[in-house]
């Protein structure tokens, strides 16, 4: 039935670990604008940027540039993105989900942004961020490695195998599976056929989160479509 979460519907979790860009906020216009500018400056064919959504900037630079240029290139894209927050918006369902879970300390953000970039985008959108925000600056290996979700779960004091990850990118979902988490995908940036998850919905508005006896219960929103 459209809008339901399949096997996730009605399940309880110790916590929910949210990706940020493409899941909680829509920063895609800014990301495209910034990375096209970066590619022009670095002499990189923009077509080579395809397929990297959700991968930390360092991981992208390491794939596209010689090793001796990576550090400077990473600093440059961070400067471009941090300075450009125009047009970033909060996605549907985000505020309701965070309002329900942040007060109970039952959620975290695990993002591929660096700490300065995450702080800039959170400030620009007024996002009510949870206590735990894990960034690419906090882990040795970012997505698609499991490190961001493992660290987020540890900082919340919960077992990652008892967590639900909400993601929009294939690389993030790969990281979540590697961490042992259940997965809920949103189709804000990626076609459903390319999202391998326990359930796939349009946005967070298609799910409801409730705190029940100190745990998070997730249910689907039934539609008439």
N, C-alpha and C. Protein backbone atom coordinates (compact mmCIF):
# COMPACT_ATOMS: atom_id res chain seq x y z
N UNK A 1 0.85 -1.19 0.00
CA UNK A 1 0.00 0.00 0.00
C UNK A 1 0.89 1.24 0.00
N UNK A 2 0.68 2.21 -0.89
CA UNK A 2 1.53 3.40 -0.96
C UNK A 2 1.62 4.12 0.37
N UNK A 3 2.83 4.53 0.71
CA UNK A 3 3.03 5.29 1.94
C UNK A 3 3.38 4.45 3.14
N UNK A 4 3.24 3.13 3.05
CA UNK A 4 3.60 2.30 4.19
C UNK A 4 5.10 2.00 4.16
N UNK A 5 5.61 1.51 5.28
CA UNK A 5 7.04 1.26 5.42
C UNK A 5 7.39 -0.21 5.35
N UNK A 6 6.47 -1.03 4.92
CA UNK A 6 6.77 -2.45 4.80
C UNK A 6 7.18 -3.05 6.13
N UNK A 7 8.32 -3.75 6.15
CA UNK A 7 8.77 -4.43 7.37
C UNK A 7 9.19 -3.47 8.47
N UNK A 8 9.44 -2.21 8.12
CA UNK A 8 9.80 -1.23 9.15
C UNK A 8 8.58 -0.71 9.91
N UNK A 9 7.40 -0.82 9.32
CA UNK A 9 6.20 -0.21 9.89
C UNK A 9 5.89 -0.79 11.27
N UNK A 10 5.88 0.10 12.28
CA UNK A 10 5.57 -0.31 13.63
C UNK A 10 6.76 -0.80 14.43
N UNK A 11 7.94 -0.83 13.85
CA UNK A 11 9.11 -1.30 14.58
C UNK A 11 9.62 -0.24 15.55
N UNK A 12 10.27 -0.70 16.62
CA UNK A 12 10.88 0.18 17.60
C UNK A 12 12.40 0.13 17.46
N UNK A 13 13.03 1.28 17.70
CA UNK A 13 14.49 1.38 17.62
C UNK A 13 15.03 2.15 18.82
N UNK A 14 16.31 1.91 19.11
CA UNK A 14 16.95 2.65 20.20
C UNK A 14 17.16 4.11 19.81
N UNK A 15 17.38 4.36 18.50
CA UNK A 15 17.61 5.73 18.03
C UNK A 15 17.51 5.76 16.51
N UNK A 16 17.37 6.98 15.99
CA UNK A 16 17.36 7.20 14.54
C UNK A 16 18.57 8.06 14.19
N UNK A 17 19.32 7.63 13.18
CA UNK A 17 20.50 8.34 12.72
C UNK A 17 20.20 8.93 11.35
N UNK A 18 20.13 10.25 11.28
CA UNK A 18 19.75 10.93 10.05
C UNK A 18 20.98 11.41 9.28
N UNK A 19 21.00 11.15 7.99
CA UNK A 19 21.87 11.91 7.10
C UNK A 19 21.32 13.34 7.08
N UNK A 20 22.10 14.30 6.59
CA UNK A 20 21.61 15.67 6.59
C UNK A 20 21.22 16.16 5.19
N UNK A 21 22.22 16.34 4.30
CA UNK A 21 21.93 16.89 2.98
C UNK A 21 21.16 15.90 2.12
N UNK A 22 19.98 16.33 1.66
CA UNK A 22 19.14 15.45 0.86
C UNK A 22 18.17 14.64 1.69
N UNK A 23 18.35 14.64 3.00
CA UNK A 23 17.46 13.90 3.91
C UNK A 23 16.70 14.87 4.81
N UNK A 24 17.43 15.74 5.50
CA UNK A 24 16.81 16.74 6.37
C UNK A 24 16.69 18.10 5.68
N UNK A 25 17.68 18.42 4.85
CA UNK A 25 17.67 19.70 4.14
C UNK A 25 17.93 19.49 2.65
N UNK A 26 17.45 20.43 1.85
CA UNK A 26 17.71 20.41 0.41
C UNK A 26 18.79 21.44 0.11
N UNK A 27 19.99 20.93 -0.09
CA UNK A 27 21.12 21.81 -0.42
C UNK A 27 21.61 21.55 -1.84
N UNK A 28 20.87 20.77 -2.62
CA UNK A 28 21.34 20.34 -3.93
C UNK A 28 21.71 21.53 -4.84
N UNK A 29 20.88 22.59 -4.95
CA UNK A 29 21.29 23.71 -5.82
C UNK A 29 22.63 24.31 -5.42
N UNK A 30 22.86 24.43 -4.10
CA UNK A 30 24.12 24.98 -3.60
C UNK A 30 25.27 24.03 -3.91
N UNK A 31 25.04 22.74 -3.68
CA UNK A 31 26.08 21.74 -3.93
C UNK A 31 26.50 21.76 -5.40
N UNK A 32 25.53 21.76 -6.29
CA UNK A 32 25.83 21.77 -7.72
C UNK A 32 26.60 23.03 -8.09
N UNK A 33 26.11 24.16 -7.61
CA UNK A 33 26.75 25.44 -7.92
C UNK A 33 28.20 25.46 -7.42
N UNK A 34 28.39 24.99 -6.21
CA UNK A 34 29.72 25.03 -5.60
C UNK A 34 30.70 24.09 -6.29
N UNK A 35 30.24 22.87 -6.56
CA UNK A 35 31.14 21.88 -7.15
C UNK A 35 31.45 22.19 -8.61
N UNK A 36 30.53 22.81 -9.32
CA UNK A 36 30.83 23.23 -10.69
C UNK A 36 31.89 24.33 -10.69
N UNK A 37 31.79 25.23 -9.75
CA UNK A 37 32.81 26.27 -9.62
C UNK A 37 34.15 25.66 -9.28
N UNK A 38 34.15 24.71 -8.35
CA UNK A 38 35.38 24.02 -7.95
C UNK A 38 35.99 23.28 -9.14
N UNK A 39 35.17 22.56 -9.89
CA UNK A 39 35.66 21.79 -11.03
C UNK A 39 36.32 22.71 -12.06
N UNK A 40 35.70 23.86 -12.29
CA UNK A 40 36.28 24.81 -13.24
C UNK A 40 37.64 25.29 -12.76
N UNK A 41 37.73 25.62 -11.48
CA UNK A 41 38.99 26.11 -10.91
C UNK A 41 40.08 25.03 -10.96
N UNK A 42 39.67 23.77 -10.73
CA UNK A 42 40.64 22.68 -10.66
C UNK A 42 40.91 22.02 -12.00
N UNK A 43 40.20 22.45 -13.04
CA UNK A 43 40.40 21.85 -14.35
C UNK A 43 39.85 20.45 -14.45
N UNK A 44 38.78 20.17 -13.73
CA UNK A 44 38.15 18.85 -13.73
C UNK A 44 36.91 18.89 -14.61
N UNK A 45 36.76 17.90 -15.47
CA UNK A 45 35.55 17.78 -16.30
C UNK A 45 34.35 17.60 -15.37
N UNK A 46 33.35 18.49 -15.41
CA UNK A 46 32.19 18.36 -14.51
C UNK A 46 31.49 17.02 -14.61
N UNK A 47 31.57 16.37 -15.75
CA UNK A 47 30.92 15.06 -15.91
C UNK A 47 31.50 14.03 -14.95
N UNK A 48 32.74 14.24 -14.52
CA UNK A 48 33.37 13.29 -13.60
C UNK A 48 32.84 13.40 -12.17
N UNK A 49 32.03 14.42 -11.89
CA UNK A 49 31.45 14.58 -10.56
C UNK A 49 30.22 13.69 -10.34
N UNK A 50 29.67 13.15 -11.41
CA UNK A 50 28.46 12.34 -11.31
C UNK A 50 28.73 11.08 -10.48
N UNK A 51 27.78 10.78 -9.57
CA UNK A 51 27.85 9.56 -8.79
C UNK A 51 28.50 9.70 -7.43
N UNK A 52 28.90 10.92 -7.07
CA UNK A 52 29.59 11.12 -5.79
C UNK A 52 28.69 11.67 -4.68
N UNK A 53 27.38 11.79 -4.92
CA UNK A 53 26.52 12.37 -3.88
C UNK A 53 26.61 11.54 -2.60
N UNK A 54 26.81 12.24 -1.48
CA UNK A 54 26.91 11.57 -0.19
C UNK A 54 28.31 11.18 0.20
N UNK A 55 29.28 11.36 -0.71
CA UNK A 55 30.68 11.03 -0.42
C UNK A 55 31.38 12.30 0.10
N UNK A 56 32.18 12.19 1.16
CA UNK A 56 32.89 13.37 1.67
C UNK A 56 33.77 14.01 0.61
N UNK A 57 33.99 15.32 0.75
CA UNK A 57 34.77 16.07 -0.24
C UNK A 57 36.15 15.48 -0.45
N UNK A 58 36.79 15.04 0.61
CA UNK A 58 38.13 14.47 0.47
C UNK A 58 38.10 13.21 -0.38
N UNK A 59 37.08 12.39 -0.19
CA UNK A 59 36.98 11.19 -0.99
C UNK A 59 36.81 11.50 -2.46
N UNK A 60 36.08 12.58 -2.77
CA UNK A 60 35.89 12.99 -4.17
C UNK A 60 37.20 13.51 -4.74
N UNK A 61 37.86 14.39 -3.99
CA UNK A 61 39.11 14.98 -4.47
C UNK A 61 40.17 13.90 -4.69
N UNK A 62 40.21 12.91 -3.82
CA UNK A 62 41.20 11.84 -3.96
C UNK A 62 40.97 11.02 -5.22
N UNK A 63 39.72 10.94 -5.65
CA UNK A 63 39.40 10.19 -6.87
C UNK A 63 39.71 10.99 -8.14
N UNK A 64 39.66 12.31 -8.04
CA UNK A 64 39.71 13.14 -9.24
C UNK A 64 41.03 13.88 -9.46
N UNK A 65 41.85 13.98 -8.41
CA UNK A 65 43.06 14.80 -8.50
C UNK A 65 44.31 14.04 -8.07
N UNK A 66 45.47 14.47 -8.52
CA UNK A 66 46.72 13.90 -8.02
C UNK A 66 46.85 14.13 -6.52
N UNK A 67 47.56 13.24 -5.84
CA UNK A 67 47.66 13.28 -4.39
C UNK A 67 48.20 14.61 -3.87
N UNK A 68 49.12 15.22 -4.61
CA UNK A 68 49.73 16.45 -4.10
C UNK A 68 48.81 17.67 -4.19
N UNK A 69 47.66 17.51 -4.83
CA UNK A 69 46.71 18.63 -4.94
C UNK A 69 45.49 18.46 -4.04
N UNK A 70 45.37 17.30 -3.40
CA UNK A 70 44.13 16.98 -2.68
C UNK A 70 43.88 17.93 -1.51
N UNK A 71 44.85 18.15 -0.66
CA UNK A 71 44.63 18.96 0.54
C UNK A 71 44.14 20.37 0.19
N UNK A 72 44.82 20.99 -0.77
CA UNK A 72 44.42 22.35 -1.16
C UNK A 72 43.04 22.36 -1.80
N UNK A 73 42.74 21.33 -2.59
CA UNK A 73 41.44 21.25 -3.25
C UNK A 73 40.31 21.05 -2.25
N UNK A 74 40.56 20.26 -1.21
CA UNK A 74 39.55 20.05 -0.16
C UNK A 74 39.31 21.35 0.60
N UNK A 75 40.38 22.06 0.92
CA UNK A 75 40.22 23.35 1.59
C UNK A 75 39.42 24.32 0.72
N UNK A 76 39.64 24.27 -0.57
CA UNK A 76 38.96 25.20 -1.47
C UNK A 76 37.48 24.91 -1.56
N UNK A 77 37.08 23.64 -1.72
CA UNK A 77 35.65 23.34 -1.84
C UNK A 77 34.94 23.63 -0.52
N UNK A 78 35.63 23.41 0.60
CA UNK A 78 35.01 23.75 1.88
C UNK A 78 34.76 25.25 1.98
N UNK A 79 35.72 26.04 1.53
CA UNK A 79 35.56 27.49 1.57
C UNK A 79 34.42 27.95 0.67
N UNK A 80 34.32 27.36 -0.53
CA UNK A 80 33.26 27.73 -1.46
C UNK A 80 31.89 27.38 -0.87
N UNK A 81 31.75 26.14 -0.37
CA UNK A 81 30.45 25.68 0.13
C UNK A 81 30.04 26.40 1.41
N UNK A 82 30.99 26.64 2.30
CA UNK A 82 30.66 27.29 3.57
C UNK A 82 30.18 28.72 3.34
N UNK A 83 30.72 29.37 2.32
CA UNK A 83 30.35 30.75 2.03
C UNK A 83 29.03 30.87 1.28
N UNK A 84 28.55 29.77 0.73
CA UNK A 84 27.34 29.81 -0.11
C UNK A 84 26.24 28.95 0.51
N UNK A 85 25.32 29.59 1.20
CA UNK A 85 24.19 28.87 1.80
C UNK A 85 22.85 29.37 1.24
N UNK A 86 22.91 30.16 0.20
CA UNK A 86 21.69 30.75 -0.36
C UNK A 86 20.81 29.69 -1.02
N UNK A 87 19.56 29.61 -0.57
CA UNK A 87 18.62 28.69 -1.20
C UNK A 87 18.49 27.35 -0.53
N UNK A 88 19.23 27.10 0.55
CA UNK A 88 19.08 25.84 1.27
C UNK A 88 17.77 25.87 2.05
N UNK A 89 16.99 24.79 1.94
CA UNK A 89 15.68 24.72 2.60
C UNK A 89 15.56 23.44 3.42
N UNK A 90 14.65 23.47 4.38
CA UNK A 90 14.35 22.29 5.19
C UNK A 90 13.33 21.43 4.45
N UNK A 91 13.60 20.14 4.35
CA UNK A 91 12.73 19.23 3.61
C UNK A 91 11.47 18.85 4.41
N UNK A 92 10.41 18.45 3.73
CA UNK A 92 9.16 18.06 4.41
C UNK A 92 9.38 16.94 5.42
N UNK A 93 8.76 17.10 6.58
CA UNK A 93 8.82 16.09 7.62
C UNK A 93 9.99 16.24 8.58
N UNK A 94 10.97 17.06 8.20
CA UNK A 94 12.17 17.19 9.03
C UNK A 94 11.87 17.77 10.40
N UNK A 95 11.14 18.88 10.43
CA UNK A 95 10.92 19.56 11.71
C UNK A 95 10.09 18.70 12.65
N UNK A 96 9.09 18.00 12.14
CA UNK A 96 8.28 17.12 12.98
C UNK A 96 9.13 16.00 13.57
N UNK A 97 9.97 15.39 12.73
CA UNK A 97 10.80 14.28 13.20
C UNK A 97 11.78 14.74 14.28
N UNK A 98 12.46 15.86 14.03
CA UNK A 98 13.43 16.34 15.00
C UNK A 98 12.76 16.84 16.27
N UNK A 99 11.60 17.46 16.15
CA UNK A 99 10.88 17.93 17.34
C UNK A 99 10.51 16.77 18.24
N UNK A 100 10.16 15.65 17.64
CA UNK A 100 9.78 14.48 18.43
C UNK A 100 10.98 13.83 19.10
N UNK A 101 12.12 13.78 18.43
CA UNK A 101 13.23 12.94 18.88
C UNK A 101 14.37 13.67 19.57
N UNK A 102 14.59 14.95 19.27
CA UNK A 102 15.76 15.61 19.84
C UNK A 102 15.63 15.81 21.34
N UNK A 103 14.44 16.17 21.80
CA UNK A 103 14.25 16.39 23.23
C UNK A 103 14.50 15.15 24.05
N UNK A 104 14.20 13.99 23.48
CA UNK A 104 14.41 12.73 24.17
C UNK A 104 15.81 12.16 23.94
N UNK A 105 16.63 12.88 23.17
CA UNK A 105 18.00 12.46 22.84
C UNK A 105 18.01 11.08 22.19
N UNK A 106 17.10 10.89 21.24
CA UNK A 106 16.96 9.60 20.57
C UNK A 106 17.31 9.67 19.09
N UNK A 107 18.07 10.70 18.70
CA UNK A 107 18.48 10.78 17.31
C UNK A 107 19.81 11.49 17.21
N UNK A 108 20.43 11.35 16.04
CA UNK A 108 21.69 12.01 15.75
C UNK A 108 21.72 12.33 14.27
N UNK A 109 22.62 13.22 13.89
CA UNK A 109 22.92 13.48 12.48
C UNK A 109 24.29 12.92 12.19
N UNK A 110 24.42 12.23 11.07
CA UNK A 110 25.72 11.73 10.61
C UNK A 110 25.86 12.19 9.15
N UNK A 111 26.68 13.19 8.92
CA UNK A 111 26.77 13.85 7.63
C UNK A 111 28.15 13.74 7.01
N UNK A 112 28.20 13.81 5.68
CA UNK A 112 29.48 13.83 4.98
C UNK A 112 30.08 15.23 4.92
N UNK A 113 29.36 16.22 5.42
CA UNK A 113 29.92 17.57 5.52
C UNK A 113 31.06 17.59 6.54
N UNK A 114 32.00 18.52 6.35
CA UNK A 114 32.96 18.80 7.41
C UNK A 114 32.24 19.56 8.52
N UNK A 115 32.91 19.70 9.66
CA UNK A 115 32.27 20.41 10.78
C UNK A 115 31.93 21.86 10.43
N UNK A 116 32.84 22.64 9.84
CA UNK A 116 32.46 24.03 9.50
C UNK A 116 31.30 24.10 8.53
N UNK A 117 31.26 23.20 7.55
CA UNK A 117 30.18 23.24 6.57
C UNK A 117 28.86 22.81 7.20
N UNK A 118 28.88 21.79 8.03
CA UNK A 118 27.66 21.37 8.72
C UNK A 118 27.13 22.50 9.59
N UNK A 119 28.01 23.15 10.33
CA UNK A 119 27.60 24.26 11.19
C UNK A 119 26.98 25.38 10.36
N UNK A 120 27.57 25.67 9.20
CA UNK A 120 27.06 26.75 8.35
C UNK A 120 25.67 26.42 7.82
N UNK A 121 25.45 25.20 7.40
CA UNK A 121 24.15 24.83 6.85
C UNK A 121 23.09 24.70 7.93
N UNK A 122 23.46 24.22 9.09
CA UNK A 122 22.51 24.16 10.21
C UNK A 122 22.08 25.58 10.61
N UNK A 123 23.06 26.48 10.67
CA UNK A 123 22.74 27.87 11.03
C UNK A 123 21.88 28.53 9.97
N UNK A 124 22.18 28.28 8.70
CA UNK A 124 21.45 28.92 7.61
C UNK A 124 20.00 28.49 7.55
N UNK A 125 19.72 27.25 7.92
CA UNK A 125 18.35 26.72 7.85
C UNK A 125 17.60 26.82 9.17
N UNK A 126 18.32 27.12 10.25
CA UNK A 126 17.68 27.11 11.56
C UNK A 126 17.30 25.72 12.01
N UNK A 127 17.99 24.72 11.47
CA UNK A 127 17.67 23.33 11.79
C UNK A 127 17.88 23.07 13.28
N UNK A 128 16.86 22.52 13.96
CA UNK A 128 17.01 22.21 15.39
C UNK A 128 17.84 20.94 15.56
N UNK A 129 19.15 21.09 15.47
CA UNK A 129 20.04 19.93 15.46
C UNK A 129 20.03 19.19 16.79
N UNK A 130 20.15 17.87 16.75
CA UNK A 130 20.24 17.09 17.99
C UNK A 130 21.59 17.30 18.68
N UNK A 131 21.72 16.74 19.86
CA UNK A 131 22.96 16.87 20.63
C UNK A 131 24.15 16.28 19.87
N UNK A 132 23.94 15.14 19.22
CA UNK A 132 25.02 14.45 18.52
C UNK A 132 24.96 14.76 17.03
N UNK A 133 25.99 15.41 16.53
CA UNK A 133 26.15 15.66 15.10
C UNK A 133 27.55 15.18 14.72
N UNK A 134 27.60 14.12 13.96
CA UNK A 134 28.88 13.55 13.51
C UNK A 134 29.14 14.03 12.09
N UNK A 135 30.34 14.56 11.84
CA UNK A 135 30.71 15.08 10.53
C UNK A 135 31.92 14.32 9.99
N UNK A 136 32.28 14.64 8.75
CA UNK A 136 33.46 14.03 8.15
C UNK A 136 34.73 14.40 8.92
N UNK A 137 34.68 15.50 9.66
CA UNK A 137 35.84 15.93 10.45
C UNK A 137 36.07 15.03 11.66
N UNK A 138 35.07 14.22 12.01
CA UNK A 138 35.13 13.45 13.25
C UNK A 138 35.55 12.00 13.05
N UNK A 139 35.67 11.55 11.81
CA UNK A 139 35.97 10.14 11.55
C UNK A 139 37.14 10.02 10.59
N UNK A 140 37.81 8.88 10.65
CA UNK A 140 38.94 8.65 9.74
C UNK A 140 38.46 8.34 8.35
N UNK A 141 37.36 7.57 8.26
CA UNK A 141 36.81 7.20 6.97
C UNK A 141 35.33 7.58 6.93
N UNK A 142 34.94 8.37 5.93
CA UNK A 142 33.55 8.75 5.79
C UNK A 142 32.77 7.74 4.98
N UNK A 143 31.52 8.05 4.72
CA UNK A 143 30.67 7.18 3.91
C UNK A 143 31.32 6.97 2.54
N UNK A 144 31.28 5.77 1.96
CA UNK A 144 30.42 4.63 2.30
C UNK A 144 30.93 3.71 3.40
N UNK A 145 31.99 4.10 4.12
CA UNK A 145 32.43 3.33 5.28
C UNK A 145 31.44 3.56 6.43
N UNK A 146 31.34 2.62 7.36
CA UNK A 146 30.33 2.72 8.43
C UNK A 146 30.68 3.67 9.55
N UNK A 147 31.90 4.21 9.56
CA UNK A 147 32.40 4.97 10.70
C UNK A 147 31.47 6.06 11.21
N UNK A 148 30.86 6.89 10.33
CA UNK A 148 29.99 7.96 10.86
C UNK A 148 28.81 7.43 11.67
N UNK A 149 28.20 6.35 11.20
CA UNK A 149 27.04 5.82 11.93
C UNK A 149 27.47 5.08 13.20
N UNK A 150 28.60 4.41 13.14
CA UNK A 150 29.10 3.74 14.35
C UNK A 150 29.43 4.75 15.44
N UNK A 151 30.05 5.87 15.04
CA UNK A 151 30.38 6.90 16.03
C UNK A 151 29.12 7.56 16.57
N UNK A 152 28.16 7.85 15.70
CA UNK A 152 26.91 8.46 16.16
C UNK A 152 26.20 7.58 17.18
N UNK A 153 26.13 6.28 16.90
CA UNK A 153 25.49 5.36 17.84
C UNK A 153 26.26 5.32 19.16
N UNK A 154 27.58 5.29 19.08
CA UNK A 154 28.38 5.24 20.31
C UNK A 154 28.17 6.49 21.16
N UNK A 155 28.12 7.65 20.52
CA UNK A 155 27.93 8.89 21.27
C UNK A 155 26.53 8.98 21.89
N UNK A 156 25.57 8.29 21.28
CA UNK A 156 24.23 8.22 21.87
C UNK A 156 24.13 7.13 22.94
N UNK A 157 25.13 6.25 22.97
CA UNK A 157 25.13 5.16 23.95
C UNK A 157 24.22 4.01 23.57
N UNK A 158 24.07 3.77 22.25
CA UNK A 158 23.18 2.71 21.79
C UNK A 158 23.93 1.77 20.84
N UNK A 159 23.36 0.60 20.63
CA UNK A 159 23.90 -0.39 19.71
C UNK A 159 23.51 0.00 18.28
N UNK A 160 24.46 0.14 17.36
CA UNK A 160 24.09 0.50 15.99
C UNK A 160 23.13 -0.50 15.35
N UNK A 161 23.18 -1.75 15.79
CA UNK A 161 22.28 -2.77 15.24
C UNK A 161 20.84 -2.55 15.69
N UNK A 162 20.66 -1.62 16.64
CA UNK A 162 19.32 -1.29 17.13
C UNK A 162 18.93 0.11 16.67
N UNK A 163 19.57 0.59 15.61
CA UNK A 163 19.29 1.93 15.10
C UNK A 163 18.69 1.89 13.70
N UNK A 164 17.92 2.91 13.39
CA UNK A 164 17.40 3.13 12.04
C UNK A 164 18.15 4.30 11.42
N UNK A 165 18.68 4.09 10.23
CA UNK A 165 19.33 5.16 9.48
C UNK A 165 18.39 5.65 8.40
N UNK A 166 18.28 6.97 8.27
CA UNK A 166 17.50 7.58 7.19
C UNK A 166 18.48 8.28 6.25
N UNK A 167 18.46 7.89 4.97
CA UNK A 167 19.45 8.33 4.00
C UNK A 167 18.80 8.59 2.65
N UNK A 168 19.49 9.38 1.82
CA UNK A 168 19.02 9.61 0.46
C UNK A 168 20.01 9.13 -0.60
N UNK A 169 21.20 8.70 -0.17
CA UNK A 169 22.26 8.39 -1.12
C UNK A 169 22.69 6.93 -1.02
N UNK A 170 22.99 6.30 -2.16
CA UNK A 170 23.46 4.91 -2.14
C UNK A 170 24.68 4.70 -1.25
N UNK A 171 25.63 5.64 -1.28
CA UNK A 171 26.82 5.50 -0.44
C UNK A 171 26.49 5.53 1.04
N UNK A 172 25.54 6.37 1.42
CA UNK A 172 25.13 6.44 2.82
C UNK A 172 24.42 5.18 3.25
N UNK A 173 23.60 4.63 2.37
CA UNK A 173 22.91 3.38 2.70
C UNK A 173 23.90 2.22 2.81
N UNK A 174 24.91 2.23 1.97
CA UNK A 174 25.96 1.21 2.07
C UNK A 174 26.66 1.30 3.42
N UNK A 175 26.94 2.52 3.85
CA UNK A 175 27.57 2.74 5.16
C UNK A 175 26.67 2.24 6.29
N UNK A 176 25.38 2.51 6.18
CA UNK A 176 24.42 2.09 7.21
C UNK A 176 24.35 0.58 7.31
N UNK A 177 24.29 -0.09 6.16
CA UNK A 177 24.24 -1.56 6.17
C UNK A 177 25.52 -2.13 6.79
N UNK A 178 26.66 -1.52 6.46
CA UNK A 178 27.92 -1.99 7.02
C UNK A 178 27.98 -1.81 8.54
N UNK A 179 27.26 -0.81 9.03
CA UNK A 179 27.20 -0.58 10.47
C UNK A 179 26.19 -1.48 11.17
N UNK A 180 25.41 -2.22 10.40
CA UNK A 180 24.42 -3.13 10.97
C UNK A 180 23.08 -2.49 11.25
N UNK A 181 22.86 -1.29 10.71
CA UNK A 181 21.62 -0.56 10.98
C UNK A 181 20.50 -0.96 10.02
N UNK A 182 19.25 -0.78 10.46
CA UNK A 182 18.11 -0.83 9.55
C UNK A 182 18.13 0.44 8.72
N UNK A 183 17.50 0.40 7.54
CA UNK A 183 17.61 1.54 6.63
C UNK A 183 16.28 1.98 6.06
N UNK A 184 16.08 3.29 6.06
CA UNK A 184 14.93 3.93 5.42
C UNK A 184 15.48 4.95 4.43
N UNK A 185 15.13 4.80 3.15
CA UNK A 185 15.63 5.71 2.12
C UNK A 185 14.55 6.70 1.71
N UNK A 186 14.98 7.92 1.40
CA UNK A 186 14.09 8.93 0.84
C UNK A 186 14.56 9.22 -0.58
N UNK A 187 13.60 9.52 -1.47
CA UNK A 187 13.91 9.65 -2.90
C UNK A 187 14.12 11.10 -3.33
N UNK A 188 14.61 11.93 -2.44
CA UNK A 188 14.78 13.36 -2.73
C UNK A 188 15.86 13.64 -3.76
N UNK A 189 16.87 12.77 -3.84
CA UNK A 189 17.98 13.01 -4.77
C UNK A 189 18.30 11.83 -5.67
N UNK A 190 17.73 10.67 -5.37
CA UNK A 190 18.11 9.44 -6.07
C UNK A 190 16.88 8.65 -6.46
N UNK A 191 16.91 8.04 -7.64
CA UNK A 191 15.78 7.23 -8.10
C UNK A 191 15.58 6.02 -7.18
N UNK A 192 14.32 5.65 -6.92
CA UNK A 192 14.05 4.52 -6.04
C UNK A 192 14.79 3.24 -6.42
N UNK A 193 14.93 2.99 -7.71
CA UNK A 193 15.60 1.76 -8.16
C UNK A 193 17.06 1.70 -7.74
N UNK A 194 17.65 2.85 -7.41
CA UNK A 194 19.06 2.89 -7.02
C UNK A 194 19.25 2.91 -5.51
N UNK A 195 18.17 2.78 -4.76
CA UNK A 195 18.23 2.84 -3.30
C UNK A 195 17.97 1.45 -2.72
N UNK A 196 18.98 0.87 -2.14
CA UNK A 196 18.85 -0.45 -1.49
C UNK A 196 18.62 -0.22 -0.01
N UNK A 197 17.37 -0.41 0.43
CA UNK A 197 17.01 -0.11 1.80
C UNK A 197 15.86 -1.03 2.24
N UNK A 198 15.62 -1.05 3.56
CA UNK A 198 14.51 -1.84 4.08
C UNK A 198 13.17 -1.27 3.65
N UNK A 199 13.14 0.05 3.44
CA UNK A 199 11.94 0.71 2.92
C UNK A 199 12.35 1.99 2.21
N UNK A 200 11.57 2.39 1.23
CA UNK A 200 11.84 3.60 0.46
C UNK A 200 10.58 4.45 0.42
N UNK A 201 10.72 5.74 0.79
CA UNK A 201 9.61 6.68 0.77
C UNK A 201 10.05 7.96 0.07
N UNK A 202 9.10 8.86 -0.15
CA UNK A 202 9.43 10.11 -0.82
C UNK A 202 10.26 11.04 0.04
N UNK A 203 9.74 11.38 1.22
CA UNK A 203 10.43 12.26 2.16
C UNK A 203 10.09 11.80 3.58
N UNK A 204 10.65 12.48 4.55
CA UNK A 204 10.34 12.17 5.95
C UNK A 204 8.87 12.43 6.28
N UNK A 205 8.19 13.20 5.45
CA UNK A 205 6.76 13.42 5.68
C UNK A 205 5.96 12.14 5.49
N UNK A 206 6.56 11.12 4.88
CA UNK A 206 5.88 9.85 4.67
C UNK A 206 6.08 8.87 5.82
N UNK A 207 6.72 9.34 6.89
CA UNK A 207 6.92 8.50 8.07
C UNK A 207 6.58 9.29 9.32
N UNK A 208 6.20 8.58 10.36
CA UNK A 208 5.92 9.20 11.65
C UNK A 208 6.80 8.56 12.70
N UNK A 209 7.35 9.40 13.59
CA UNK A 209 8.20 8.92 14.66
C UNK A 209 7.53 9.25 15.99
N UNK A 210 7.53 8.29 16.90
CA UNK A 210 6.95 8.50 18.22
C UNK A 210 7.87 7.90 19.26
N UNK A 211 7.93 8.52 20.42
CA UNK A 211 8.71 7.99 21.54
C UNK A 211 7.77 7.13 22.39
N UNK A 212 8.08 5.85 22.48
CA UNK A 212 7.26 4.89 23.21
C UNK A 212 8.16 4.13 24.18
N UNK A 213 7.97 4.39 25.47
CA UNK A 213 8.75 3.72 26.52
C UNK A 213 10.25 3.84 26.27
N UNK A 214 10.68 5.05 25.92
CA UNK A 214 12.09 5.33 25.77
C UNK A 214 12.71 4.86 24.48
N UNK A 215 11.89 4.41 23.54
CA UNK A 215 12.38 3.96 22.24
C UNK A 215 11.64 4.71 21.14
N UNK A 216 12.15 4.58 19.92
CA UNK A 216 11.54 5.27 18.78
C UNK A 216 10.71 4.27 17.98
N UNK A 217 9.44 4.60 17.81
CA UNK A 217 8.57 3.76 16.98
C UNK A 217 8.31 4.50 15.67
N UNK A 218 8.49 3.80 14.57
CA UNK A 218 8.29 4.40 13.25
C UNK A 218 7.10 3.74 12.58
N UNK A 219 6.24 4.56 11.99
CA UNK A 219 5.07 4.06 11.27
C UNK A 219 4.94 4.82 9.96
N UNK A 220 4.33 4.17 9.00
CA UNK A 220 4.14 4.78 7.70
C UNK A 220 2.88 5.63 7.65
N UNK A 221 2.87 6.54 6.69
CA UNK A 221 1.69 7.38 6.45
C UNK A 221 0.96 6.83 5.24
N UNK A 222 -0.23 6.35 5.43
CA UNK A 222 -1.00 5.74 4.34
C UNK A 222 -1.55 6.83 3.44
N UNK A 223 -1.38 6.64 2.13
CA UNK A 223 -1.91 7.60 1.17
C UNK A 223 -2.99 6.94 0.32
N UNK A 224 -3.68 7.77 -0.45
CA UNK A 224 -4.74 7.24 -1.32
C UNK A 224 -4.25 6.97 -2.74
N UNK A 225 -2.96 7.25 -2.96
CA UNK A 225 -2.42 7.09 -4.33
C UNK A 225 -2.32 5.63 -4.73
